């Protein structure tokens, strides 16, 4: 099996585990997919979201094989040169 397909399998496992955890914890509405293909649960604290992701990766048994990246959409905070 190529490393690409191995990584895709890990990603799919994490994605589906995260979806199941969010469905139980935040109800079915939390697993609706947003306009950039991400989940959009009603979470008030950033740390809660990152903890949820960290726990899901850990349950998949591959925490040393996954690195978390964040797209903060910083351009949304920049208006009129400020």
Protein backbone atom coordinates (compact mmCIF):
# COMPACT_ATOMS: atom_id res chain seq x y z
CA UNK A 1 0.00 0.00 0.00
CA UNK A 2 1.39 3.42 -0.90
CA UNK A 3 1.94 6.02 1.78
CA UNK A 4 -0.71 8.22 0.12
CA UNK A 5 -3.44 5.64 0.62
CA UNK A 6 -2.26 4.91 4.15
CA UNK A 7 -2.53 8.59 5.05
CA UNK A 8 -5.94 8.85 3.38
CA UNK A 9 -7.13 5.91 5.49
CA UNK A 10 -5.92 7.58 8.69
CA UNK A 11 -7.58 10.85 7.70
CA UNK A 12 -10.87 9.12 6.93
CA UNK A 13 -10.82 7.31 10.28
CA UNK A 14 -10.20 10.54 12.18
CA UNK A 15 -12.89 12.37 10.17
CA UNK A 16 -15.56 9.74 10.80
CA UNK A 17 -14.64 9.35 14.47
CA UNK A 18 -14.85 13.13 14.92
CA UNK A 19 -18.21 13.18 13.17
CA UNK A 20 -19.58 10.48 15.48
CA UNK A 21 -18.27 12.17 18.64
CA UNK A 22 -19.74 15.52 17.62
CA UNK A 23 -23.10 13.98 16.75
CA UNK A 24 -23.36 12.56 20.28
CA UNK A 25 -21.91 15.56 22.13
CA UNK A 26 -23.39 18.46 20.13
CA UNK A 27 -26.37 16.83 18.38
CA UNK A 28 -26.92 16.13 14.72
CA UNK A 29 -26.81 19.80 13.64
CA UNK A 30 -23.11 19.92 14.59
CA UNK A 31 -22.14 17.59 11.76
CA UNK A 32 -23.52 19.79 9.01
CA UNK A 33 -20.66 20.78 6.75
CA UNK A 34 -19.85 24.49 6.25
CA UNK A 35 -19.00 26.29 3.01
CA UNK A 36 -15.34 25.27 3.26
CA UNK A 37 -16.19 21.61 3.94
CA UNK A 38 -15.58 21.79 7.68
CA UNK A 39 -17.83 20.91 10.57
CA UNK A 40 -19.44 23.85 12.36
CA UNK A 41 -20.48 22.79 15.87
CA UNK A 42 -21.65 25.38 18.39
CA UNK A 43 -18.48 25.45 20.50
CA UNK A 44 -17.78 28.57 22.54
CA UNK A 45 -14.12 27.98 23.45
CA UNK A 46 -11.27 27.40 21.00
CA UNK A 47 -9.60 25.09 23.50
CA UNK A 48 -12.66 22.83 23.49
CA UNK A 49 -12.49 22.43 19.71
CA UNK A 50 -8.76 21.70 19.75
CA UNK A 51 -9.19 19.26 22.64
CA UNK A 52 -11.92 17.45 20.73
CA UNK A 53 -9.64 17.10 17.72
CA UNK A 54 -6.69 15.98 19.85
CA UNK A 55 -8.77 13.30 21.58
CA UNK A 56 -10.16 12.05 18.28
CA UNK A 57 -6.67 11.75 16.78
CA UNK A 58 -5.53 9.91 19.92
CA UNK A 59 -8.41 7.43 19.67
CA UNK A 60 -7.42 6.72 16.08
CA UNK A 61 -4.10 5.50 17.47
CA UNK A 62 -1.88 7.79 15.45
CA UNK A 63 -1.17 11.00 17.41
CA UNK A 64 2.48 10.98 16.33
CA UNK A 65 1.52 10.81 12.64
CA UNK A 66 -0.83 13.81 12.50
CA UNK A 67 -0.03 17.50 12.81
CA UNK A 68 -2.83 20.01 13.36
CA UNK A 69 -2.85 23.13 11.21
CA UNK A 70 -5.13 26.13 11.51
CA UNK A 71 -6.47 28.53 8.90
CA UNK A 72 -7.27 31.61 10.95
CA UNK A 73 -8.62 33.68 8.04
CA UNK A 74 -6.53 36.64 9.22
CA UNK A 75 -7.49 38.60 6.10
CA UNK A 76 -11.01 38.88 7.53
CA UNK A 77 -9.63 41.08 10.32
CA UNK A 78 -7.81 43.48 7.93
CA UNK A 79 -9.92 46.40 6.69
CA UNK A 80 -8.90 49.65 4.98
CA UNK A 81 -5.20 49.13 5.60
CA UNK A 82 -5.68 48.46 9.31
